[in-house]
Amino acid sequence: MRSTPIRTGLLFAAAGAYVIGIVILLLWLRGDWRWVEGWIFCTAWASFIAAIFLRLQYKDPGLLAERMRMPGSGGESRADLAILIGVKVVFMAWIVVSPLDVRYGWIPRVPLWSEFCGGLLFLAGGFLMFRALSDNTFASQLVRIQSERGHHVVDTGVYGFVRHPMYLGASLVMVGGALLLGSVCGVLVGVAMAGLLILRIFGEEDLLARDLEGYRAYCQRVRYRLVPLVW
């Protein structure tokens, strides 16, 4: 019983340190602590992370524990483990490249209206990710069958529109966030992230169709993997 508040405190501290560390790194690399777009992005991103963390901590601690599993600890395939590590590397590259691109002008900045559109895409992506985690208690970062948690198909909420709303949301966050910051290089890294997630979908769906009861029928009901009416 005593360990519960201690563990909760440690989780809050770790989440806070992660968010603050990313914010400081982004602004430091830009070299301008008065960077308006950077502060807008950081405020929205920190709010988004906090909302997800608080929702999982108090409404779905089982999913929070699942998402904190280290890569490789869930028995996933070597191919998927390599993709997951690649996703994490590309994300950090995105955090580094975007402010440096704006700072040194590697590629001319996007116009102001594009930054506004990027902000809308970022908010839409964040909403999709939050809803995906709210609708699906099995939304692990690892591609595995969670038999110990009673894993079953989820086809409600955003999962009734596309089969991988989390990946769609992440792609929008990466591309939209880079546009908001004014970085074309960041957009290109975001597109690379979307490509990795698309590659991951194939292996993930093979596993789920083979080992998760009802997934094949779900694929017949919800025909689009990532983008409604497209794919």
Protein backbone atom coordinates (compact mmCIF):
# COMPACT_ATOMS: atom_id res chain seq x y z
CA MET A 1 0.00 0.00 0.00
CA ARG A 2 2.80 2.42 0.85
CA SER A 3 4.50 1.92 -2.49
CA THR A 4 1.51 3.19 -4.47
CA PRO A 5 1.93 6.93 -3.73
CA ILE A 6 5.71 6.59 -4.07
CA ARG A 7 5.34 4.94 -7.47
CA THR A 8 2.82 7.57 -8.54
CA GLY A 9 5.18 10.33 -7.48
CA LEU A 10 8.04 8.77 -9.41
CA LEU A 11 5.87 8.46 -12.52
CA PHE A 12 4.87 12.11 -12.28
CA ALA A 13 8.50 13.14 -11.79
CA ALA A 14 9.67 11.05 -14.76
CA ALA A 15 6.92 12.39 -17.03
CA GLY A 16 7.65 15.96 -15.96
CA ALA A 17 11.39 15.56 -16.49
CA TYR A 18 10.78 14.09 -19.95
CA VAL A 19 8.55 16.97 -21.04
CA ILE A 20 10.78 19.69 -19.57
CA GLY A 21 13.88 18.08 -21.09
CA ILE A 22 12.37 18.03 -24.59
CA VAL A 23 11.16 21.64 -24.26
CA ILE A 24 14.58 22.89 -23.11
CA LEU A 25 16.37 20.95 -25.86
CA LEU A 26 14.08 22.33 -28.57
CA LEU A 27 14.46 25.97 -27.47
CA TRP A 28 18.18 25.64 -26.80
CA LEU A 29 18.83 24.25 -30.27
CA ARG A 30 16.84 27.12 -31.77
CA GLY A 31 19.08 29.56 -29.92
CA ASP A 32 16.21 31.95 -29.18
CA TRP A 33 14.25 31.64 -25.94
CA ARG A 34 11.71 34.12 -27.34
CA TRP A 35 10.82 31.85 -30.27
CA VAL A 36 7.03 32.33 -30.51
CA GLU A 37 6.27 29.26 -32.60
CA GLY A 38 8.49 27.18 -30.34
CA TRP A 39 6.62 28.26 -27.21
CA ILE A 40 3.26 27.63 -28.87
CA PHE A 41 4.39 24.15 -29.87
CA CYS A 42 5.92 23.39 -26.46
CA THR A 43 2.80 24.53 -24.60
CA ALA A 44 0.48 22.46 -26.79
CA TRP A 45 2.79 19.44 -26.74
CA ALA A 46 3.27 19.52 -22.96
CA SER A 47 -0.50 19.86 -22.46
CA PHE A 48 -1.08 16.93 -24.77
CA ILE A 49 1.44 14.70 -22.94
CA ALA A 50 0.03 15.73 -19.55
CA ALA A 51 -3.54 14.96 -20.63
CA ILE A 52 -2.57 11.49 -21.84
CA PHE A 53 -0.50 10.72 -18.75
CA LEU A 54 -3.19 11.86 -16.31
CA ARG A 55 -5.90 9.99 -18.20
CA LEU A 56 -3.95 6.75 -18.12
CA GLN A 57 -2.73 7.18 -14.55
CA TYR A 58 -6.22 7.61 -13.11
CA LYS A 59 -8.47 5.87 -15.65
CA ASP A 60 -6.38 3.07 -17.18
CA PRO A 61 -3.24 2.30 -15.13
CA GLY A 62 -3.02 -1.11 -16.80
CA LEU A 63 -2.44 0.53 -20.18
CA LEU A 64 0.04 2.97 -18.64
CA ALA A 65 2.05 0.05 -17.27
CA GLU A 66 1.81 -1.71 -20.64
CA ARG A 67 3.05 1.34 -22.53
CA MET A 68 6.00 1.65 -20.15
CA ARG A 69 7.27 -1.80 -21.14
CA MET A 70 10.77 -1.65 -22.56
CA PRO A 71 11.16 -2.56 -26.25
CA GLY A 72 12.00 -6.23 -26.54
CA SER A 73 10.27 -7.21 -23.29
CA GLY A 74 7.01 -8.33 -24.88
CA GLY A 75 8.27 -11.12 -27.09
CA GLU A 76 7.79 -9.09 -30.27
CA SER A 77 9.62 -10.01 -33.47
CA ARG A 78 13.12 -8.74 -34.25
CA ALA A 79 11.76 -6.91 -37.28
CA ASP A 80 9.20 -5.02 -35.23
CA LEU A 81 11.76 -4.27 -32.52
CA ALA A 82 14.02 -2.75 -35.19
CA ILE A 83 11.14 -0.61 -36.48
CA LEU A 84 10.24 0.56 -32.96
CA ILE A 85 13.83 1.57 -32.26
CA GLY A 86 13.85 3.35 -35.62
CA VAL A 87 10.67 5.24 -34.63
CA LYS A 88 12.34 6.47 -31.43
CA VAL A 89 15.50 7.50 -33.28
CA VAL A 90 13.51 9.37 -35.94
CA PHE A 91 11.50 11.17 -33.26
CA MET A 92 14.67 12.44 -31.59
CA ALA A 93 16.04 13.43 -35.01
CA TRP A 94 12.83 15.41 -35.55
CA ILE A 95 13.29 17.23 -32.22
CA VAL A 96 16.86 18.13 -33.18
CA VAL A 97 16.47 18.89 -36.89
CA SER A 98 13.38 21.13 -36.70
CA PRO A 99 14.84 23.93 -34.52
CA LEU A 100 18.25 23.74 -36.21
CA ASP A 101 16.60 24.09 -39.63
CA VAL A 102 14.79 27.23 -38.45
CA ARG A 103 17.96 28.56 -36.82
CA TYR A 104 20.31 28.09 -39.75
CA GLY A 105 17.85 28.27 -42.65
CA TRP A 106 18.83 25.01 -44.33
CA ILE A 107 15.59 25.22 -46.30
CA PRO A 108 13.56 28.47 -46.55
CA ARG A 109 10.84 28.66 -43.89
CA VAL A 110 7.23 27.98 -44.76
CA PRO A 111 4.81 30.94 -44.96
CA LEU A 112 2.76 31.98 -41.93
CA TRP A 113 -0.45 30.42 -43.24
CA SER A 114 1.35 27.06 -43.45
CA GLU A 115 2.37 27.38 -39.80
CA PHE A 116 -1.29 27.97 -38.92
CA CYS A 117 -2.35 24.89 -40.91
CA GLY A 118 0.41 22.93 -39.22
CA GLY A 119 -0.98 23.92 -35.84
CA LEU A 120 -4.40 22.58 -36.83
CA LEU A 121 -2.86 19.30 -38.03
CA PHE A 122 -0.92 19.04 -34.78
CA LEU A 123 -4.07 19.51 -32.69
CA ALA A 124 -5.99 17.00 -34.82
CA GLY A 125 -3.20 14.44 -34.45
CA GLY A 126 -3.01 14.96 -30.70
CA PHE A 127 -6.77 14.49 -30.39
CA LEU A 128 -6.62 11.27 -32.42
CA MET A 129 -3.84 9.87 -30.24
CA PHE A 130 -5.68 10.78 -27.04
CA ARG A 131 -8.88 9.19 -28.30
CA ALA A 132 -7.04 6.07 -29.48
CA LEU A 133 -5.59 5.58 -26.00
CA SER A 134 -8.98 6.29 -24.43
CA ASP A 135 -10.88 3.90 -26.71
CA ASN A 136 -8.39 1.02 -26.73
CA THR A 137 -6.97 -0.26 -23.44
CA PHE A 138 -4.70 -2.58 -25.46
CA ALA A 139 -2.92 0.25 -27.35
CA SER A 140 0.57 -0.91 -26.39
CA GLN A 141 3.72 0.53 -27.94
CA LEU A 142 4.79 -3.10 -28.49
CA VAL A 143 3.24 -5.28 -31.18
CA ARG A 144 2.19 -8.31 -29.14
CA ILE A 145 -0.86 -10.28 -28.05
CA GLN A 146 -1.62 -9.25 -24.47
CA SER A 147 -3.22 -12.53 -23.40
CA GLU A 148 -2.57 -11.79 -19.71
CA ARG A 149 -4.78 -8.69 -20.04
CA GLY A 150 -7.64 -10.39 -21.89
CA HIS A 151 -6.69 -8.90 -25.25
CA HIS A 152 -9.60 -8.64 -27.68
CA VAL A 153 -10.54 -6.64 -30.75
CA VAL A 154 -11.62 -3.02 -30.18
CA ASP A 155 -13.83 -1.61 -32.94
CA THR A 156 -15.50 1.36 -31.22
CA GLY A 157 -14.64 5.07 -31.15
CA VAL A 158 -11.90 6.10 -33.56
CA TYR A 159 -11.22 2.41 -34.25
CA GLY A 160 -14.54 2.32 -36.07
CA PHE A 161 -13.10 4.65 -38.76
CA VAL A 162 -9.56 3.38 -39.32
CA ARG A 163 -7.71 0.40 -37.92
CA HIS A 164 -4.64 2.39 -36.80
CA PRO A 165 -5.80 5.81 -35.52
CA MET A 166 -2.76 6.05 -33.23
CA TYR A 167 -0.40 5.95 -36.21
CA LEU A 168 -2.51 8.46 -38.12
CA GLY A 169 -2.44 10.78 -35.12
CA ALA A 170 1.33 10.42 -34.69
CA SER A 171 1.92 11.20 -38.37
CA LEU A 172 -0.23 14.34 -38.14
CA VAL A 173 1.57 15.43 -34.97
CA MET A 174 4.99 15.06 -36.60
CA VAL A 175 4.16 16.74 -39.90
CA GLY A 176 1.88 19.37 -38.38
CA GLY A 177 4.29 20.14 -35.55
CA ALA A 178 7.14 20.73 -38.00
CA LEU A 179 4.95 23.04 -40.09
CA LEU A 180 3.95 24.94 -36.96
CA LEU A 181 7.64 25.45 -36.17
CA GLY A 182 8.29 26.54 -39.75
CA SER A 183 10.72 23.73 -40.58
CA VAL A 184 10.61 22.02 -43.98
CA CYS A 185 13.37 19.64 -42.86
CA GLY A 186 11.19 18.70 -39.91
CA VAL A 187 8.32 17.97 -42.29
CA LEU A 188 10.56 15.61 -44.25
CA VAL A 189 11.54 13.79 -41.05
CA GLY A 190 7.85 13.60 -40.16
CA VAL A 191 7.11 12.00 -43.52
CA ALA A 192 9.90 9.49 -42.82
CA MET A 193 8.20 8.69 -39.51
CA ALA A 194 4.90 8.10 -41.33
CA GLY A 195 6.73 5.73 -43.68
CA LEU A 196 8.10 3.73 -40.73
CA LEU A 197 4.63 3.50 -39.19
CA ILE A 198 3.15 2.32 -42.50
CA LEU A 199 5.87 -0.34 -42.69
CA ARG A 200 5.01 -1.41 -39.14
CA ILE A 201 1.33 -1.80 -39.98
CA PHE A 202 1.98 -4.74 -42.31
CA GLY A 203 3.76 -6.83 -39.69
CA GLU A 204 1.34 -5.80 -36.96
CA GLU A 205 -1.70 -6.79 -38.98
CA ASP A 206 -0.15 -10.13 -39.92
CA LEU A 207 0.30 -10.92 -36.22
CA LEU A 208 -3.16 -9.76 -35.19
CA ALA A 209 -4.90 -11.58 -38.05
CA ARG A 210 -3.08 -14.78 -37.15
CA ASP A 211 -3.30 -14.72 -33.34
CA LEU A 212 -6.12 -12.37 -32.25
CA GLU A 213 -9.61 -13.83 -32.53
CA GLY A 214 -11.99 -11.65 -34.52
CA TYR A 215 -9.36 -9.42 -36.12
CA ARG A 216 -9.94 -10.71 -39.65
CA ALA A 217 -13.65 -9.94 -39.32
CA TYR A 218 -12.76 -6.49 -37.96
CA CYS A 219 -10.65 -5.84 -41.07
CA GLN A 220 -13.71 -6.61 -43.18
CA ARG A 221 -15.86 -4.16 -41.20
CA VAL A 222 -13.26 -1.37 -41.05
CA ARG A 223 -11.61 -1.47 -44.44
CA TYR A 224 -9.13 1.41 -44.15
CA ARG A 225 -5.87 0.99 -42.30
CA LEU A 226 -4.70 4.58 -41.88
CA VAL A 227 -6.58 7.20 -43.91
CA PRO A 228 -10.37 6.96 -44.44
CA LEU A 229 -11.37 6.44 -48.09
CA VAL A 230 -7.69 6.22 -49.12
CA TRP A 231 -5.84 3.27 -47.53
